[in-house]
Amino acid sequence: MLLVLAVKVLVLGGCMLPIAFGVLGTGILFAGYNLAVSRNPEENENLFNSTLMGFALMETFIFLSFVVGYVIYAM
């Protein structure tokens, strides 16, 4: 039983990796947005929409990681 608990804790630790990389990706995404807007201000609206779609995709994987971690820990 102790081995099962140890594996569950390790899996939860592994589920935190997408969160860490999601935060890193969000920073890179919005840094790229700022750079693109500074170079081409006329395309501000299109760039912002594309940036938000990328952000939503990253957040989907982060929330999915929370769900997987909870399901594995609850079993």
PDB file of N, CA and C in Angstrom:
ATOM      1  N   MET A   1       0.820  -1.196   0.000  1.00  0.00           N
ATOM      2  CA  MET A   1       0.000   0.000   0.000  1.00  0.00           C
ATOM      3  C   MET A   1       0.864   1.260   0.000  1.00  0.00           C
ATOM      4  N   LEU A   2       1.973   1.179   0.687  1.00  0.00           N
ATOM      5  CA  LEU A   2       2.877   2.323   0.721  1.00  0.00           C
ATOM      6  C   LEU A   2       3.498   2.574  -0.655  1.00  0.00           C
ATOM      7  N   LEU A   3       3.753   1.506  -1.388  1.00  0.00           N
ATOM      8  CA  LEU A   3       4.313   1.642  -2.734  1.00  0.00           C
ATOM      9  C   LEU A   3       3.319   2.327  -3.670  1.00  0.00           C
ATOM     10  N   VAL A   4       2.040   1.992  -3.528  1.00  0.00           N
ATOM     11  CA  VAL A   4       1.008   2.614  -4.362  1.00  0.00           C
ATOM     12  C   VAL A   4       0.918   4.110  -4.063  1.00  0.00           C
ATOM     13  N   LEU A   5       0.986   4.464  -2.789  1.00  0.00           N
ATOM     14  CA  LEU A   5       0.950   5.880  -2.422  1.00  0.00           C
ATOM     15  C   LEU A   5       2.172   6.620  -2.965  1.00  0.00           C
ATOM     16  N   ALA A   6       3.326   5.980  -2.911  1.00  0.00           N
ATOM     17  CA  ALA A   6       4.543   6.606  -3.431  1.00  0.00           C
ATOM     18  C   ALA A   6       4.436   6.842  -4.938  1.00  0.00           C
ATOM     19  N   VAL A   7       3.879   5.882  -5.658  1.00  0.00           N
ATOM     20  CA  VAL A   7       3.716   6.037  -7.101  1.00  0.00           C
ATOM     21  C   VAL A   7       2.710   7.144  -7.410  1.00  0.00           C
ATOM     22  N   LYS A   8       1.646   7.227  -6.616  1.00  0.00           N
ATOM     23  CA  LYS A   8       0.662   8.293  -6.828  1.00  0.00           C
ATOM     24  C   LYS A   8       1.285   9.670  -6.633  1.00  0.00           C
ATOM     25  N   VAL A   9       2.126   9.796  -5.623  1.00  0.00           N
ATOM     26  CA  VAL A   9       2.789  11.077  -5.380  1.00  0.00           C
ATOM     27  C   VAL A   9       3.744  11.411  -6.529  1.00  0.00           C
ATOM     28  N   LEU A  10       4.433  10.425  -7.055  1.00  0.00           N
ATOM     29  CA  LEU A  10       5.324  10.660  -8.195  1.00  0.00           C
ATOM     30  C   LEU A  10       4.541  11.064  -9.447  1.00  0.00           C
ATOM     31  N   VAL A  11       3.380  10.447  -9.632  1.00  0.00           N
ATOM     32  CA  VAL A  11       2.552  10.808 -10.786  1.00  0.00           C
ATOM     33  C   VAL A  11       2.042  12.240 -10.638  1.00  0.00           C
ATOM     34  N   LEU A  12       1.659  12.624  -9.428  1.00  0.00           N
ATOM     35  CA  LEU A  12       1.237  14.008  -9.215  1.00  0.00           C
ATOM     36  C   LEU A  12       2.380  14.976  -9.494  1.00  0.00           C
ATOM     37  N   GLY A  13       3.576  14.589  -9.112  1.00  0.00           N
ATOM     38  CA  GLY A  13       4.739  15.420  -9.433  1.00  0.00           C
ATOM     39  C   GLY A  13       4.943  15.526 -10.928  1.00  0.00           C
ATOM     40  N   GLY A  14       4.711  14.428 -11.643  1.00  0.00           N
ATOM     41  CA  GLY A  14       4.816  14.458 -13.102  1.00  0.00           C
ATOM     42  C   GLY A  14       3.729  15.291 -13.754  1.00  0.00           C
ATOM     43  N   CYS A  15       2.564  15.356 -13.120  1.00  0.00           N
ATOM     44  CA  CYS A  15       1.473  16.180 -13.653  1.00  0.00           C
ATOM     45  C   CYS A  15       1.746  17.663 -13.462  1.00  0.00           C
ATOM     46  N   MET A  16       2.708  18.005 -12.645  1.00  0.00           N
ATOM     47  CA  MET A  16       3.051  19.412 -12.460  1.00  0.00           C
ATOM     48  C   MET A  16       3.965  19.934 -13.573  1.00  0.00           C
ATOM     49  N   LEU A  17       4.576  19.034 -14.337  1.00  0.00           N
ATOM     50  CA  LEU A  17       5.445  19.471 -15.436  1.00  0.00           C
ATOM     51  C   LEU A  17       4.698  20.252 -16.520  1.00  0.00           C
ATOM     52  N   PRO A  18       3.514  19.803 -16.956  1.00  0.00           N
ATOM     53  CA  PRO A  18       2.806  20.644 -17.945  1.00  0.00           C
ATOM     54  C   PRO A  18       2.448  22.020 -17.412  1.00  0.00           C
ATOM     55  N   ILE A  19       2.229  22.114 -16.106  1.00  0.00           N
ATOM     56  CA  ILE A  19       1.919  23.413 -15.527  1.00  0.00           C
ATOM     57  C   ILE A  19       3.138  24.325 -15.623  1.00  0.00           C
ATOM     58  N   ALA A  20       4.292  23.787 -15.275  1.00  0.00           N
ATOM     59  CA  ALA A  20       5.521  24.589 -15.333  1.00  0.00           C
ATOM     60  C   ALA A  20       5.828  25.012 -16.768  1.00  0.00           C
ATOM     61  N   PHE A  21       5.705  24.086 -17.707  1.00  0.00           N
ATOM     62  CA  PHE A  21       5.986  24.434 -19.100  1.00  0.00           C
ATOM     63  C   PHE A  21       4.887  25.311 -19.689  1.00  0.00           C
ATOM     64  N   GLY A  22       3.658  25.200 -19.184  1.00  0.00           N
ATOM     65  CA  GLY A  22       2.587  26.082 -19.631  1.00  0.00           C
ATOM     66  C   GLY A  22       2.844  27.524 -19.235  1.00  0.00           C
ATOM     67  N   VAL A  23       3.355  27.708 -18.026  1.00  0.00           N
ATOM     68  CA  VAL A  23       3.705  29.057 -17.577  1.00  0.00           C
ATOM     69  C   VAL A  23       4.846  29.617 -18.426  1.00  0.00           C
ATOM     70  N   LEU A  24       5.822  28.795 -18.705  1.00  0.00           N
ATOM     71  CA  LEU A  24       6.934  29.218 -19.558  1.00  0.00           C
ATOM     72  C   LEU A  24       6.437  29.551 -20.966  1.00  0.00           C
ATOM     73  N   GLY A  25       5.567  28.705 -21.505  1.00  0.00           N
ATOM     74  CA  GLY A  25       5.014  28.948 -22.837  1.00  0.00           C
ATOM     75  C   GLY A  25       4.164  30.199 -22.907  1.00  0.00           C
ATOM     76  N   THR A  26       3.433  30.484 -21.832  1.00  0.00           N
ATOM     77  CA  THR A  26       2.616  31.694 -21.798  1.00  0.00           C
ATOM     78  C   THR A  26       3.495  32.939 -21.846  1.00  0.00           C
ATOM     79  N   GLY A  27       4.580  32.909 -21.110  1.00  0.00           N
ATOM     80  CA  GLY A  27       5.509  34.036 -21.142  1.00  0.00           C
ATOM     81  C   GLY A  27       6.115  34.228 -22.518  1.00  0.00           C
ATOM     82  N   ILE A  28       6.503  33.146 -23.154  1.00  0.00           N
ATOM     83  CA  ILE A  28       7.079  33.239 -24.498  1.00  0.00           C
ATOM     84  C   ILE A  28       6.035  33.715 -25.503  1.00  0.00           C
ATOM     85  N   LEU A  29       4.810  33.223 -25.358  1.00  0.00           N
ATOM     86  CA  LEU A  29       3.740  33.599 -26.281  1.00  0.00           C
ATOM     87  C   LEU A  29       3.447  35.094 -26.228  1.00  0.00           C
ATOM     88  N   PHE A  30       3.295  35.627 -25.028  1.00  0.00           N
ATOM     89  CA  PHE A  30       2.970  37.048 -24.926  1.00  0.00           C
ATOM     90  C   PHE A  30       4.184  37.935 -25.193  1.00  0.00           C
ATOM     91  N   ALA A  31       5.373  37.435 -24.981  1.00  0.00           N
ATOM     92  CA  ALA A  31       6.559  38.187 -25.379  1.00  0.00           C
ATOM     93  C   ALA A  31       6.629  38.287 -26.904  1.00  0.00           C
ATOM     94  N   GLY A  32       6.295  37.188 -27.572  1.00  0.00           N
ATOM     95  CA  GLY A  32       6.246  37.219 -29.034  1.00  0.00           C
ATOM     96  C   GLY A  32       5.153  38.136 -29.556  1.00  0.00           C
ATOM     97  N   TYR A  33       4.035  38.163 -28.832  1.00  0.00           N
ATOM     98  CA  TYR A  33       2.948  39.084 -29.221  1.00  0.00           C
ATOM     99  C   TYR A  33       3.402  40.538 -29.110  1.00  0.00           C
ATOM    100  N   ASN A  34       4.048  40.873 -28.009  1.00  0.00           N
ATOM    101  CA  ASN A  34       4.530  42.246 -27.834  1.00  0.00           C
ATOM    102  C   ASN A  34       5.542  42.623 -28.907  1.00  0.00           C
ATOM    103  N   LEU A  35       6.414  41.700 -29.241  1.00  0.00           N
ATOM    104  CA  LEU A  35       7.400  41.954 -30.279  1.00  0.00           C
ATOM    105  C   LEU A  35       6.736  42.141 -31.645  1.00  0.00           C
ATOM    106  N   ALA A  36       5.734  41.293 -31.945  1.00  0.00           N
ATOM    107  CA  ALA A  36       5.061  41.397 -33.236  1.00  0.00           C
ATOM    108  C   ALA A  36       4.259  42.688 -33.357  1.00  0.00           C
ATOM    109  N   VAL A  37       3.614  43.102 -32.279  1.00  0.00           N
ATOM    110  CA  VAL A  37       2.837  44.343 -32.328  1.00  0.00           C
ATOM    111  C   VAL A  37       3.759  45.555 -32.461  1.00  0.00           C
ATOM    112  N   SER A  38       4.913  45.476 -31.820  1.00  0.00           N
ATOM    113  CA  SER A  38       5.836  46.610 -31.943  1.00  0.00           C
ATOM    114  C   SER A  38       6.388  46.723 -33.356  1.00  0.00           C
ATOM    115  N   ARG A  39       6.466  45.617 -34.071  1.00  0.00           N
ATOM    116  CA  ARG A  39       6.969  45.674 -35.448  1.00  0.00           C
ATOM    117  C   ARG A  39       5.880  45.978 -36.460  1.00  0.00           C
ATOM    118  N   ASN A  40       4.634  45.578 -36.161  1.00  0.00           N
ATOM    119  CA  ASN A  40       3.545  45.773 -37.112  1.00  0.00           C
ATOM    120  C   ASN A  40       2.270  46.146 -36.354  1.00  0.00           C
ATOM    121  N   PRO A  41       2.120  47.396 -35.962  1.00  0.00           N
ATOM    122  CA  PRO A  41       0.966  47.790 -35.141  1.00  0.00           C
ATOM    123  C   PRO A  41      -0.387  47.710 -35.866  1.00  0.00           C
ATOM    124  N   GLU A  42      -0.378  47.705 -37.196  1.00  0.00           N
ATOM    125  CA  GLU A  42      -1.641  47.639 -37.928  1.00  0.00           C
ATOM    126  C   GLU A  42      -2.333  46.288 -37.758  1.00  0.00           C
ATOM    127  N   GLU A  43      -1.578  45.251 -37.494  1.00  0.00           N
ATOM    128  CA  GLU A  43      -2.132  43.901 -37.350  1.00  0.00           C
ATOM    129  C   GLU A  43      -2.419  43.545 -35.892  1.00  0.00           C
ATOM    130  N   ASN A  44      -2.639  44.550 -35.075  1.00  0.00           N
ATOM    131  CA  ASN A  44      -2.817  44.340 -33.641  1.00  0.00           C
ATOM    132  C   ASN A  44      -3.974  43.383 -33.341  1.00  0.00           C
ATOM    133  N   GLU A  45      -5.124  43.585 -33.983  1.00  0.00           N
ATOM    134  CA  GLU A  45      -6.299  42.767 -33.675  1.00  0.00           C
ATOM    135  C   GLU A  45      -6.104  41.309 -34.080  1.00  0.00           C
ATOM    136  N   ASN A  46      -5.557  41.077 -35.273  1.00  0.00           N
ATOM    137  CA  ASN A  46      -5.332  39.702 -35.729  1.00  0.00           C
ATOM    138  C   ASN A  46      -4.296  38.989 -34.863  1.00  0.00           C
ATOM    139  N   LEU A  47      -3.248  39.699 -34.503  1.00  0.00           N
ATOM    140  CA  LEU A  47      -2.218  39.104 -33.648  1.00  0.00           C
ATOM    141  C   LEU A  47      -2.767  38.768 -32.261  1.00  0.00           C
ATOM    142  N   PHE A  48      -3.607  39.660 -31.736  1.00  0.00           N
ATOM    143  CA  PHE A  48      -4.175  39.424 -30.411  1.00  0.00           C
ATOM    144  C   PHE A  48      -5.104  38.216 -30.420  1.00  0.00           C
ATOM    145  N   ASN A  49      -5.908  38.072 -31.475  1.00  0.00           N
ATOM    146  CA  ASN A  49      -6.799  36.910 -31.572  1.00  0.00           C
ATOM    147  C   ASN A  49      -6.004  35.612 -31.662  1.00  0.00           C
ATOM    148  N   SER A  50      -4.954  35.613 -32.457  1.00  0.00           N
ATOM    149  CA  SER A  50      -4.119  34.417 -32.572  1.00  0.00           C
ATOM    150  C   SER A  50      -3.413  34.097 -31.260  1.00  0.00           C
ATOM    151  N   THR A  51      -2.990  35.132 -30.556  1.00  0.00           N
ATOM    152  CA  THR A  51      -2.329  34.927 -29.269  1.00  0.00           C
ATOM    153  C   THR A  51      -3.285  34.336 -28.256  1.00  0.00           C
ATOM    154  N   LEU A  52      -4.505  34.832 -28.221  1.00  0.00           N
ATOM    155  CA  LEU A  52      -5.480  34.286 -27.278  1.00  0.00           C
ATOM    156  C   LEU A  52      -5.852  32.852 -27.609  1.00  0.00           C
ATOM    157  N   MET A  53      -5.900  32.496 -28.885  1.00  0.00           N
ATOM    158  CA  MET A  53      -6.186  31.105 -29.254  1.00  0.00           C
ATOM    159  C   MET A  53      -5.056  30.184 -28.798  1.00  0.00           C
ATOM    160  N   GLY A  54      -3.818  30.627 -28.948  1.00  0.00           N
ATOM    161  CA  GLY A  54      -2.690  29.843 -28.461  1.00  0.00           C
ATOM    162  C   GLY A  54      -2.694  29.728 -26.954  1.00  0.00           C
ATOM    163  N   PHE A  55      -3.055  30.803 -26.271  1.00  0.00           N
ATOM    164  CA  PHE A  55      -3.140  30.779 -24.811  1.00  0.00           C
ATOM    165  C   PHE A  55      -4.228  29.826 -24.349  1.00  0.00           C
ATOM    166  N   ALA A  56      -5.368  29.822 -25.026  1.00  0.00           N
ATOM    167  CA  ALA A  56      -6.452  28.909 -24.660  1.00  0.00           C
ATOM    168  C   ALA A  56      -6.037  27.458 -24.867  1.00  0.00           C
ATOM    169  N   LEU A  57      -5.294  27.184 -25.907  1.00  0.00           N
ATOM    170  CA  LEU A  57      -4.817  25.826 -26.149  1.00  0.00           C
ATOM    171  C   LEU A  57      -3.866  25.371 -25.051  1.00  0.00           C
ATOM    172  N   MET A  58      -2.973  26.247 -24.632  1.00  0.00           N
ATOM    173  CA  MET A  58      -2.051  25.895 -23.544  1.00  0.00           C
ATOM    174  C   MET A  58      -2.796  25.680 -22.239  1.00  0.00           C
ATOM    175  N   GLU A  59      -3.768  26.526 -21.950  1.00  0.00           N
ATOM    176  CA  GLU A  59      -4.522  26.386 -20.711  1.00  0.00           C
ATOM    177  C   GLU A  59      -5.348  25.105 -20.713  1.00  0.00           C
ATOM    178  N   THR A  60      -5.806  24.675 -21.886  1.00  0.00           N
ATOM    179  CA  THR A  60      -6.536  23.408 -21.969  1.00  0.00           C
ATOM    180  C   THR A  60      -5.662  22.253 -21.516  1.00  0.00           C
ATOM    181  N   PHE A  61      -4.420  22.224 -21.954  1.00  0.00           N
ATOM    182  CA  PHE A  61      -3.524  21.150 -21.531  1.00  0.00           C
ATOM    183  C   PHE A  61      -3.192  21.235 -20.051  1.00  0.00           C
ATOM    184  N   ILE A  62      -3.125  22.439 -19.515  1.00  0.00           N
ATOM    185  CA  ILE A  62      -2.838  22.585 -18.089  1.00  0.00           C
ATOM    186  C   ILE A  62      -4.014  22.069 -17.264  1.00  0.00           C
ATOM    187  N   PHE A  63      -5.234  22.438 -17.641  1.00  0.00           N
ATOM    188  CA  PHE A  63      -6.394  21.956 -16.900  1.00  0.00           C
ATOM    189  C   PHE A  63      -6.572  20.452 -17.065  1.00  0.00           C
ATOM    190  N   LEU A  64      -6.238  19.935 -18.228  1.00  0.00           N
ATOM    191  CA  LEU A  64      -6.290  18.492 -18.438  1.00  0.00           C
ATOM    192  C   LEU A  64      -5.289  17.779 -17.533  1.00  0.00           C
ATOM    193  N   SER A  65      -4.159  18.388 -17.299  1.00  0.00           N
ATOM    194  CA  SER A  65      -3.171  17.828 -16.387  1.00  0.00           C
ATOM    195  C   SER A  65      -3.715  17.777 -14.965  1.00  0.00           C
ATOM    196  N   PHE A  66      -4.436  18.820 -14.546  1.00  0.00           N
ATOM    197  CA  PHE A  66      -5.077  18.799 -13.232  1.00  0.00           C
ATOM    198  C   PHE A  66      -6.070  17.646 -13.115  1.00  0.00           C
ATOM    199  N   VAL A  67      -6.859  17.445 -14.152  1.00  0.00           N
ATOM    200  CA  VAL A  67      -7.872  16.385 -14.136  1.00  0.00           C
ATOM    201  C   VAL A  67      -7.215  15.014 -14.078  1.00  0.00           C
ATOM    202  N   VAL A  68      -6.194  14.803 -14.876  1.00  0.00           N
ATOM    203  CA  VAL A  68      -5.498  13.508 -14.875  1.00  0.00           C
ATOM    204  C   VAL A  68      -4.853  13.246 -13.521  1.00  0.00           C
ATOM    205  N   GLY A  69      -4.242  14.253 -12.943  1.00  0.00           N
ATOM    206  CA  GLY A  69      -3.631  14.095 -11.629  1.00  0.00           C
ATOM    207  C   GLY A  69      -4.651  13.753 -10.565  1.00  0.00           C
ATOM    208  N   TYR A  70      -5.802  14.401 -10.612  1.00  0.00           N
ATOM    209  CA  TYR A  70      -6.848  14.119  -9.628  1.00  0.00           C
ATOM    210  C   TYR A  70      -7.411  12.708  -9.799  1.00  0.00           C
ATOM    211  N   VAL A  71      -7.627  12.306 -11.036  1.00  0.00           N
ATOM    212  CA  VAL A  71      -8.192  10.976 -11.288  1.00  0.00           C
ATOM    213  C   VAL A  71      -7.218   9.896 -10.816  1.00  0.00           C
ATOM    214  N   ILE A  72      -5.947  10.079 -11.091  1.00  0.00           N
ATOM    215  CA  ILE A  72      -4.959   9.075 -10.679  1.00  0.00           C
ATOM    216  C   ILE A  72      -4.816   9.061  -9.156  1.00  0.00           C
ATOM    217  N   TYR A  73      -4.846  10.227  -8.540  1.00  0.00           N
ATOM    218  CA  TYR A  73      -4.681  10.269  -7.090  1.00  0.00           C
ATOM    219  C   TYR A  73      -5.917   9.734  -6.366  1.00  0.00           C
ATOM    220  N   ALA A  74      -7.099   9.906  -6.962  1.00  0.00           N
ATOM    221  CA  ALA A  74      -8.338   9.458  -6.317  1.00  0.00           C
ATOM    222  C   ALA A  74      -8.504   7.941  -6.399  1.00  0.00           C
ATOM    223  N   MET A  75      -7.866   7.295  -7.337  1.00  0.00           N
ATOM    224  CA  MET A  75      -8.036   5.841  -7.479  1.00  0.00           C
ATOM    225  C   MET A  75      -7.301   5.081  -6.400  1.00  0.00           C
TER     226      MET A  75
END
